[in-house]
């Protein structure tokens, strides 16, 4: 799936105003139909809300990267391939 550029959104708005189906536009722009519908409904000056979202724990180290709890590290280690916990013996 491709990312829609600002120019493509402007073209899509013009084509929809000329009664071209959104489904056809989505296939021509190589994007999903739901992506195109979302971008057509979204105001052009709306901020991207993903940047303001914080880390679930909110804790970060001195470099600014999120901290991983010991519980998460233990869970990831137990999911390793070849771990004795994952071997099915019959």
PDB file of N, CA and C in Angstrom:
ATOM      1  N   UNK A   1       0.847  -1.169   0.000  1.00  0.00           N
ATOM      2  CA  UNK A   1       0.000   0.000   0.000  1.00  0.00           C
ATOM      3  C   UNK A   1       0.895   1.235   0.000  1.00  0.00           C
ATOM      4  N   UNK A   2       0.558   2.176  -0.823  1.00  0.00           N
ATOM      5  CA  UNK A   2       1.358   3.389  -0.951  1.00  0.00           C
ATOM      6  C   UNK A   2       0.805   4.500  -0.054  1.00  0.00           C
ATOM      7  N   UNK A   3       1.652   5.468   0.207  1.00  0.00           N
ATOM      8  CA  UNK A   3       1.253   6.618   1.002  1.00  0.00           C
ATOM      9  C   UNK A   3       0.764   7.709   0.050  1.00  0.00           C
ATOM     10  N   UNK A   4      -0.353   8.319   0.402  1.00  0.00           N
ATOM     11  CA  UNK A   4      -0.906   9.377  -0.448  1.00  0.00           C
ATOM     12  C   UNK A   4      -0.183  10.690  -0.194  1.00  0.00           C
ATOM     13  N   UNK A   5       0.269  11.299  -1.265  1.00  0.00           N
ATOM     14  CA  UNK A   5       0.884  12.616  -1.155  1.00  0.00           C
ATOM     15  C   UNK A   5      -0.200  13.677  -1.233  1.00  0.00           C
ATOM     16  N   UNK A   6       0.165  14.894  -0.862  1.00  0.00           N
ATOM     17  CA  UNK A   6      -0.786  16.004  -0.846  1.00  0.00           C
ATOM     18  C   UNK A   6      -1.390  16.246  -2.236  1.00  0.00           C
ATOM     19  N   UNK A   7      -0.564  16.138  -3.278  1.00  0.00           N
ATOM     20  CA  UNK A   7      -1.052  16.358  -4.643  1.00  0.00           C
ATOM     21  C   UNK A   7      -2.077  15.297  -5.042  1.00  0.00           C
ATOM     22  N   UNK A   8      -1.827  14.053  -4.629  1.00  0.00           N
ATOM     23  CA  UNK A   8      -2.764  12.978  -4.956  1.00  0.00           C
ATOM     24  C   UNK A   8      -4.102  13.182  -4.260  1.00  0.00           C
ATOM     25  N   UNK A   9      -4.078  13.690  -3.044  1.00  0.00           N
ATOM     26  CA  UNK A   9      -5.331  13.945  -2.327  1.00  0.00           C
ATOM     27  C   UNK A   9      -6.105  15.055  -3.021  1.00  0.00           C
ATOM     28  N   UNK A  10      -5.396  16.087  -3.476  1.00  0.00           N
ATOM     29  CA  UNK A  10      -6.068  17.181  -4.188  1.00  0.00           C
ATOM     30  C   UNK A  10      -6.693  16.683  -5.496  1.00  0.00           C
ATOM     31  N   UNK A  11      -5.977  15.832  -6.220  1.00  0.00           N
ATOM     32  CA  UNK A  11      -6.510  15.266  -7.459  1.00  0.00           C
ATOM     33  C   UNK A  11      -7.722  14.394  -7.157  1.00  0.00           C
ATOM     34  N   UNK A  12      -7.635  13.599  -6.094  1.00  0.00           N
ATOM     35  CA  UNK A  12      -8.751  12.723  -5.727  1.00  0.00           C
ATOM     36  C   UNK A  12      -9.990  13.535  -5.374  1.00  0.00           C
ATOM     37  N   UNK A  13      -9.809  14.657  -4.684  1.00  0.00           N
ATOM     38  CA  UNK A  13     -10.961  15.501  -4.345  1.00  0.00           C
ATOM     39  C   UNK A  13     -11.623  16.052  -5.596  1.00  0.00           C
ATOM     40  N   UNK A  14     -10.830  16.455  -6.569  1.00  0.00           N
ATOM     41  CA  UNK A  14     -11.381  16.964  -7.829  1.00  0.00           C
ATOM     42  C   UNK A  14     -12.126  15.868  -8.583  1.00  0.00           C
ATOM     43  N   UNK A  15     -11.555  14.666  -8.597  1.00  0.00           N
ATOM     44  CA  UNK A  15     -12.191  13.567  -9.321  1.00  0.00           C
ATOM     45  C   UNK A  15     -13.497  13.135  -8.653  1.00  0.00           C
ATOM     46  N   UNK A  16     -13.531  13.134  -7.332  1.00  0.00           N
ATOM     47  CA  UNK A  16     -14.767  12.786  -6.626  1.00  0.00           C
ATOM     48  C   UNK A  16     -15.832  13.850  -6.896  1.00  0.00           C
ATOM     49  N   UNK A  17     -15.415  15.104  -6.985  1.00  0.00           N
ATOM     50  CA  UNK A  17     -16.363  16.177  -7.307  1.00  0.00           C
ATOM     51  C   UNK A  17     -16.943  15.993  -8.705  1.00  0.00           C
ATOM     52  N   UNK A  18     -16.187  15.314  -9.571  1.00  0.00           N
ATOM     53  CA  UNK A  18     -16.661  15.035 -10.944  1.00  0.00           C
ATOM     54  C   UNK A  18     -17.364  13.688 -11.037  1.00  0.00           C
ATOM     55  N   UNK A  19     -17.733  13.110  -9.920  1.00  0.00           N
ATOM     56  CA  UNK A  19     -18.533  11.881  -9.818  1.00  0.00           C
ATOM     57  C   UNK A  19     -17.773  10.627 -10.251  1.00  0.00           C
ATOM     58  N   UNK A  20     -16.454  10.603 -10.068  1.00  0.00           N
ATOM     59  CA  UNK A  20     -15.678   9.383 -10.295  1.00  0.00           C
ATOM     60  C   UNK A  20     -15.747   8.557  -9.024  1.00  0.00           C
ATOM     61  N   UNK A  21     -16.043   7.262  -9.111  1.00  0.00           N
ATOM     62  CA  UNK A  21     -16.167   6.438  -7.906  1.00  0.00           C
ATOM     63  C   UNK A  21     -14.851   6.351  -7.120  1.00  0.00           C
ATOM     64  N   UNK A  22     -14.983   6.351  -5.810  1.00  0.00           N
ATOM     65  CA  UNK A  22     -13.814   6.285  -4.929  1.00  0.00           C
ATOM     66  C   UNK A  22     -13.076   4.966  -5.132  1.00  0.00           C
ATOM     67  N   UNK A  23     -13.805   3.910  -5.371  1.00  0.00           N
ATOM     68  CA  UNK A  23     -13.187   2.598  -5.577  1.00  0.00           C
ATOM     69  C   UNK A  23     -12.255   2.612  -6.788  1.00  0.00           C
ATOM     70  N   UNK A  24     -12.699   3.252  -7.867  1.00  0.00           N
ATOM     71  CA  UNK A  24     -11.875   3.343  -9.065  1.00  0.00           C
ATOM     72  C   UNK A  24     -10.650   4.224  -8.816  1.00  0.00           C
ATOM     73  N   UNK A  25     -10.848   5.331  -8.109  1.00  0.00           N
ATOM     74  CA  UNK A  25      -9.722   6.207  -7.782  1.00  0.00           C
ATOM     75  C   UNK A  25      -8.684   5.486  -6.928  1.00  0.00           C
ATOM     76  N   UNK A  26      -9.158   4.695  -5.980  1.00  0.00           N
ATOM     77  CA  UNK A  26      -8.231   3.981  -5.098  1.00  0.00           C
ATOM     78  C   UNK A  26      -7.374   3.006  -5.888  1.00  0.00           C
ATOM     79  N   UNK A  27      -7.962   2.310  -6.833  1.00  0.00           N
ATOM     80  CA  UNK A  27      -7.169   1.377  -7.632  1.00  0.00           C
ATOM     81  C   UNK A  27      -6.190   2.128  -8.531  1.00  0.00           C
ATOM     82  N   UNK A  28      -6.580   3.286  -9.043  1.00  0.00           N
ATOM     83  CA  UNK A  28      -5.675   4.063  -9.890  1.00  0.00           C
ATOM     84  C   UNK A  28      -4.512   4.641  -9.087  1.00  0.00           C
ATOM     85  N   UNK A  29      -4.751   5.007  -7.847  1.00  0.00           N
ATOM     86  CA  UNK A  29      -3.702   5.577  -7.001  1.00  0.00           C
ATOM     87  C   UNK A  29      -2.925   4.512  -6.226  1.00  0.00           C
ATOM     88  N   UNK A  30      -3.303   3.243  -6.392  1.00  0.00           N
ATOM     89  CA  UNK A  30      -2.643   2.106  -5.726  1.00  0.00           C
ATOM     90  C   UNK A  30      -2.708   2.221  -4.200  1.00  0.00           C
ATOM     91  N   UNK A  31      -3.868   2.604  -3.688  1.00  0.00           N
ATOM     92  CA  UNK A  31      -4.085   2.649  -2.247  1.00  0.00           C
ATOM     93  C   UNK A  31      -5.366   1.905  -1.923  1.00  0.00           C
ATOM     94  N   UNK A  32      -5.557   1.621  -0.652  1.00  0.00           N
ATOM     95  CA  UNK A  32      -6.770   0.970  -0.202  1.00  0.00           C
ATOM     96  C   UNK A  32      -7.935   1.966  -0.242  1.00  0.00           C
ATOM     97  N   UNK A  33      -9.107   1.460  -0.494  1.00  0.00           N
ATOM     98  CA  UNK A  33     -10.281   2.328  -0.572  1.00  0.00           C
ATOM     99  C   UNK A  33     -10.541   3.050   0.747  1.00  0.00           C
ATOM    100  N   UNK A  34     -10.338   2.365   1.862  1.00  0.00           N
ATOM    101  CA  UNK A  34     -10.582   2.990   3.162  1.00  0.00           C
ATOM    102  C   UNK A  34      -9.577   4.114   3.428  1.00  0.00           C
ATOM    103  N   UNK A  35      -8.340   3.946   2.951  1.00  0.00           N
ATOM    104  CA  UNK A  35      -7.332   4.997   3.104  1.00  0.00           C
ATOM    105  C   UNK A  35      -7.761   6.250   2.368  1.00  0.00           C
ATOM    106  N   UNK A  36      -8.234   6.074   1.151  1.00  0.00           N
ATOM    107  CA  UNK A  36      -8.651   7.221   0.352  1.00  0.00           C
ATOM    108  C   UNK A  36      -9.872   7.901   0.963  1.00  0.00           C
ATOM    109  N   UNK A  37     -10.840   7.110   1.427  1.00  0.00           N
ATOM    110  CA  UNK A  37     -12.020   7.708   2.061  1.00  0.00           C
ATOM    111  C   UNK A  37     -11.638   8.503   3.305  1.00  0.00           C
ATOM    112  N   UNK A  38     -10.699   7.964   4.103  1.00  0.00           N
ATOM    113  CA  UNK A  38     -10.241   8.651   5.312  1.00  0.00           C
ATOM    114  C   UNK A  38      -9.591   9.973   4.954  1.00  0.00           C
ATOM    115  N   UNK A  39      -8.713   9.971   3.970  1.00  0.00           N
ATOM    116  CA  UNK A  39      -8.010  11.197   3.594  1.00  0.00           C
ATOM    117  C   UNK A  39      -8.942  12.224   2.962  1.00  0.00           C
ATOM    118  N   UNK A  40      -9.994  11.777   2.287  1.00  0.00           N
ATOM    119  CA  UNK A  40     -10.945  12.719   1.698  1.00  0.00           C
ATOM    120  C   UNK A  40     -11.805  13.383   2.767  1.00  0.00           C
ATOM    121  N   UNK A  41     -12.099  12.682   3.848  1.00  0.00           N
ATOM    122  CA  UNK A  41     -12.928  13.241   4.915  1.00  0.00           C
ATOM    123  C   UNK A  41     -12.129  14.096   5.888  1.00  0.00           C
ATOM    124  N   UNK A  42     -10.828  13.849   5.982  1.00  0.00           N
ATOM    125  CA  UNK A  42      -9.978  14.540   6.956  1.00  0.00           C
ATOM    126  C   UNK A  42      -9.707  15.970   6.506  1.00  0.00           C
ATOM    127  N   UNK A  43      -9.825  16.943   7.400  1.00  0.00           N
ATOM    128  CA  UNK A  43      -9.529  18.330   7.026  1.00  0.00           C
ATOM    129  C   UNK A  43      -8.056  18.478   6.634  1.00  0.00           C
ATOM    130  N   UNK A  44      -7.759  19.319   5.644  1.00  0.00           N
ATOM    131  CA  UNK A  44      -6.364  19.427   5.179  1.00  0.00           C
ATOM    132  C   UNK A  44      -5.402  19.993   6.210  1.00  0.00           C
ATOM    133  N   UNK A  45      -5.887  20.795   7.143  1.00  0.00           N
ATOM    134  CA  UNK A  45      -4.992  21.397   8.130  1.00  0.00           C
ATOM    135  C   UNK A  45      -5.011  20.664   9.476  1.00  0.00           C
ATOM    136  N   UNK A  46      -5.590  19.455   9.506  1.00  0.00           N
ATOM    137  CA  UNK A  46      -5.661  18.688  10.752  1.00  0.00           C
ATOM    138  C   UNK A  46      -4.272  18.169  11.117  1.00  0.00           C
ATOM    139  N   UNK A  47      -3.858  18.314  12.380  1.00  0.00           N
ATOM    140  CA  UNK A  47      -2.537  17.825  12.780  1.00  0.00           C
ATOM    141  C   UNK A  47      -2.525  16.299  12.861  1.00  0.00           C
ATOM    142  N   UNK A  48      -1.361  15.741  12.697  1.00  0.00           N
ATOM    143  CA  UNK A  48      -1.198  14.307  12.821  1.00  0.00           C
ATOM    144  C   UNK A  48      -1.137  13.965  14.303  1.00  0.00           C
ATOM    145  N   UNK A  49      -2.089  13.223  14.812  1.00  0.00           N
ATOM    146  CA  UNK A  49      -2.182  12.946  16.234  1.00  0.00           C
ATOM    147  C   UNK A  49      -1.217  11.908  16.740  1.00  0.00           C
ATOM    148  N   UNK A  50      -0.520  11.187  15.846  1.00  0.00           N
ATOM    149  CA  UNK A  50       0.386  10.138  16.304  1.00  0.00           C
ATOM    150  C   UNK A  50       1.592  10.708  17.025  1.00  0.00           C
ATOM    151  N   UNK A  51       2.038  11.903  16.659  1.00  0.00           N
ATOM    152  CA  UNK A  51       3.236  12.476  17.268  1.00  0.00           C
ATOM    153  C   UNK A  51       3.001  12.833  18.731  1.00  0.00           C
ATOM    154  N   UNK A  52       1.796  13.251  19.082  1.00  0.00           N
ATOM    155  CA  UNK A  52       1.513  13.664  20.457  1.00  0.00           C
ATOM    156  C   UNK A  52       1.284  12.479  21.385  1.00  0.00           C
ATOM    157  N   UNK A  53       1.017  11.302  20.824  1.00  0.00           N
ATOM    158  CA  UNK A  53       0.793  10.126  21.658  1.00  0.00           C
ATOM    159  C   UNK A  53       2.073   9.736  22.355  1.00  0.00           C
ATOM    160  N   UNK A  54       1.976   9.468  23.611  1.00  0.00           N
ATOM    161  CA  UNK A  54       3.153   9.097  24.378  1.00  0.00           C
ATOM    162  C   UNK A  54       3.359   7.600  24.415  1.00  0.00           C
ATOM    163  N   UNK A  55       4.407   7.206  25.064  1.00  0.00           N
ATOM    164  CA  UNK A  55       4.676   5.801  25.301  1.00  0.00           C
ATOM    165  C   UNK A  55       3.700   5.346  26.382  1.00  0.00           C
ATOM    166  N   UNK A  56       3.165   4.122  26.296  1.00  0.00           N
ATOM    167  CA  UNK A  56       2.183   3.691  27.299  1.00  0.00           C
ATOM    168  C   UNK A  56       2.660   3.866  28.738  1.00  0.00           C
ATOM    169  N   UNK A  57       3.913   3.541  28.999  1.00  0.00           N
ATOM    170  CA  UNK A  57       4.389   3.710  30.372  1.00  0.00           C
ATOM    171  C   UNK A  57       4.786   5.149  30.633  1.00  0.00           C
ATOM    172  N   UNK A  58       5.146   5.884  29.574  1.00  0.00           N
ATOM    173  CA  UNK A  58       5.547   7.266  29.725  1.00  0.00           C
ATOM    174  C   UNK A  58       6.974   7.433  30.200  1.00  0.00           C
ATOM    175  N   UNK A  59       7.666   6.329  30.465  1.00  0.00           N
ATOM    176  CA  UNK A  59       9.026   6.407  30.981  1.00  0.00           C
ATOM    177  C   UNK A  59      10.015   6.329  29.829  1.00  0.00           C
ATOM    178  N   UNK A  60      11.027   7.176  29.890  1.00  0.00           N
ATOM    179  CA  UNK A  60      12.065   7.177  28.862  1.00  0.00           C
ATOM    180  C   UNK A  60      13.426   7.280  29.524  1.00  0.00           C
ATOM    181  N   UNK A  61      14.449   6.806  28.807  1.00  0.00           N
ATOM    182  CA  UNK A  61      15.795   6.927  29.354  1.00  0.00           C
ATOM    183  C   UNK A  61      16.398   8.270  28.949  1.00  0.00           C
ATOM    184  N   UNK A  62      17.683   8.471  29.226  1.00  0.00           N
ATOM    185  CA  UNK A  62      18.309   9.769  28.985  1.00  0.00           C
ATOM    186  C   UNK A  62      18.411  10.114  27.504  1.00  0.00           C
ATOM    187  N   UNK A  63      18.399   9.112  26.617  1.00  0.00           N
ATOM    188  CA  UNK A  63      18.479   9.391  25.182  1.00  0.00           C
ATOM    189  C   UNK A  63      17.116   9.683  24.576  1.00  0.00           C
ATOM    190  N   UNK A  64      16.053   9.467  25.335  1.00  0.00           N
ATOM    191  CA  UNK A  64      14.708   9.748  24.848  1.00  0.00           C
ATOM    192  C   UNK A  64      13.979   8.541  24.305  1.00  0.00           C
ATOM    193  N   UNK A  65      14.624   7.378  24.283  1.00  0.00           N
ATOM    194  CA  UNK A  65      13.956   6.176  23.812  1.00  0.00           C
ATOM    195  C   UNK A  65      13.156   5.547  24.946  1.00  0.00           C
ATOM    196  N   UNK A  66      12.051   4.874  24.626  1.00  0.00           N
ATOM    197  CA  UNK A  66      11.222   4.283  25.680  1.00  0.00           C
ATOM    198  C   UNK A  66      11.953   3.182  26.434  1.00  0.00           C
ATOM    199  N   UNK A  67      11.688   3.096  27.722  1.00  0.00           N
ATOM    200  CA  UNK A  67      12.259   2.045  28.545  1.00  0.00           C
ATOM    201  C   UNK A  67      11.425   0.777  28.397  1.00  0.00           C
ATOM    202  N   UNK A  68      12.097  -0.341  28.396  1.00  0.00           N
ATOM    203  CA  UNK A  68      11.406  -1.624  28.345  1.00  0.00           C
ATOM    204  C   UNK A  68      11.492  -2.224  29.739  1.00  0.00           C
ATOM    205  N   UNK A  69      10.367  -2.627  30.260  1.00  0.00           N
ATOM    206  CA  UNK A  69      10.363  -3.166  31.614  1.00  0.00           C
ATOM    207  C   UNK A  69      10.984  -4.558  31.647  1.00  0.00           C
ATOM    208  N   UNK A  70      11.402  -4.969  32.814  1.00  0.00           N
ATOM    209  CA  UNK A  70      11.987  -6.303  32.968  1.00  0.00           C
ATOM    210  C   UNK A  70      10.975  -7.380  32.630  1.00  0.00           C
ATOM    211  N   UNK A  71       9.722  -7.113  32.915  1.00  0.00           N
ATOM    212  CA  UNK A  71       8.664  -8.073  32.605  1.00  0.00           C
ATOM    213  C   UNK A  71       8.571  -8.296  31.101  1.00  0.00           C
ATOM    214  N   UNK A  72       8.679  -7.223  30.322  1.00  0.00           N
ATOM    215  CA  UNK A  72       8.623  -7.345  28.863  1.00  0.00           C
ATOM    216  C   UNK A  72       9.829  -8.109  28.337  1.00  0.00           C
ATOM    217  N   UNK A  73      11.003  -7.844  28.895  1.00  0.00           N
ATOM    218  CA  UNK A  73      12.205  -8.546  28.456  1.00  0.00           C
ATOM    219  C   UNK A  73      12.085 -10.032  28.752  1.00  0.00           C
ATOM    220  N   UNK A  74      11.574 -10.377  29.925  1.00  0.00           N
ATOM    221  CA  UNK A  74      11.403 -11.788  30.279  1.00  0.00           C
ATOM    222  C   UNK A  74      10.408 -12.459  29.345  1.00  0.00           C
ATOM    223  N   UNK A  75       9.347 -11.753  28.985  1.00  0.00           N
ATOM    224  CA  UNK A  75       8.354 -12.310  28.076  1.00  0.00           C
ATOM    225  C   UNK A  75       8.951 -12.538  26.692  1.00  0.00           C
ATOM    226  N   UNK A  76       9.762 -11.591  26.222  1.00  0.00           N
ATOM    227  CA  UNK A  76      10.393 -11.743  24.914  1.00  0.00           C
ATOM    228  C   UNK A  76      11.389 -12.902  24.914  1.00  0.00           C
ATOM    229  N   UNK A  77      12.128 -13.073  25.991  1.00  0.00           N
ATOM    230  CA  UNK A  77      13.081 -14.174  26.065  1.00  0.00           C
ATOM    231  C   UNK A  77      12.375 -15.517  26.075  1.00  0.00           C
ATOM    232  N   UNK A  78      11.214 -15.591  26.701  1.00  0.00           N
ATOM    233  CA  UNK A  78      10.496 -16.868  26.750  1.00  0.00           C
ATOM    234  C   UNK A  78       9.877 -17.227  25.404  1.00  0.00           C
ATOM    235  N   UNK A  79       9.747 -16.273  24.508  1.00  0.00           N
ATOM    236  CA  UNK A  79       9.154 -16.540  23.192  1.00  0.00           C
ATOM    237  C   UNK A  79      10.195 -16.895  22.142  1.00  0.00           C
ATOM    238  N   UNK A  80      11.470 -16.942  22.501  1.00  0.00           N
ATOM    239  CA  UNK A  80      12.518 -17.252  21.525  1.00  0.00           C
ATOM    240  C   UNK A  80      12.297 -18.614  20.912  1.00  0.00           C
ATOM    241  N   UNK A  81      12.663 -18.722  19.645  1.00  0.00           N
ATOM    242  CA  UNK A  81      12.586 -20.015  18.961  1.00  0.00           C
ATOM    243  C   UNK A  81      13.651 -20.921  19.539  1.00  0.00           C
ATOM    244  N   UNK A  82      13.280 -22.146  19.818  1.00  0.00           N
ATOM    245  CA  UNK A  82      14.221 -23.091  20.396  1.00  0.00           C
ATOM    246  C   UNK A  82      14.222 -23.080  21.900  1.00  0.00           C
ATOM    247  N   UNK A  83      13.405 -22.262  22.494  1.00  0.00           N
ATOM    248  CA  UNK A  83      13.326 -22.210  23.944  1.00  0.00           C
ATOM    249  C   UNK A  83      12.701 -23.498  24.448  1.00  0.00           C
ATOM    250  N   UNK A  84      13.148 -23.956  25.597  1.00  0.00           N
ATOM    251  CA  UNK A  84      12.628 -25.229  26.139  1.00  0.00           C
ATOM    252  C   UNK A  84      11.145 -25.114  26.472  1.00  0.00           C
ATOM    253  N   UNK A  85      10.652 -23.904  26.701  1.00  0.00           N
ATOM    254  CA  UNK A  85       9.256 -23.730  27.017  1.00  0.00           C
ATOM    255  C   UNK A  85       8.382 -23.923  25.764  1.00  0.00           C
ATOM    256  N   UNK A  86       8.956 -23.769  24.594  1.00  0.00           N
ATOM    257  CA  UNK A  86       8.176 -23.841  23.358  1.00  0.00           C
ATOM    258  C   UNK A  86       8.282 -25.194  22.665  1.00  0.00           C
ATOM    259  N   UNK A  87       9.088 -26.104  23.158  1.00  0.00           N
ATOM    260  CA  UNK A  87       9.290 -27.387  22.498  1.00  0.00           C
ATOM    261  C   UNK A  87       8.178 -28.339  22.893  1.00  0.00           C
ATOM    262  N   UNK A  88       7.557 -28.953  21.911  1.00  0.00           N
ATOM    263  CA  UNK A  88       6.506 -29.926  22.153  1.00  0.00           C
ATOM    264  C   UNK A  88       7.129 -31.322  22.065  1.00  0.00           C
ATOM    265  N   UNK A  89       7.204 -32.004  23.169  1.00  0.00           N
ATOM    266  CA  UNK A  89       7.781 -33.347  23.178  1.00  0.00           C
ATOM    267  C   UNK A  89       6.657 -34.354  23.307  1.00  0.00           C
ATOM    268  N   UNK A  90       6.777 -35.419  22.510  1.00  0.00           N
ATOM    269  CA  UNK A  90       5.747 -36.462  22.553  1.00  0.00           C
ATOM    270  C   UNK A  90       6.361 -37.790  22.843  1.00  0.00           C
TER     271      UNK A  90
END
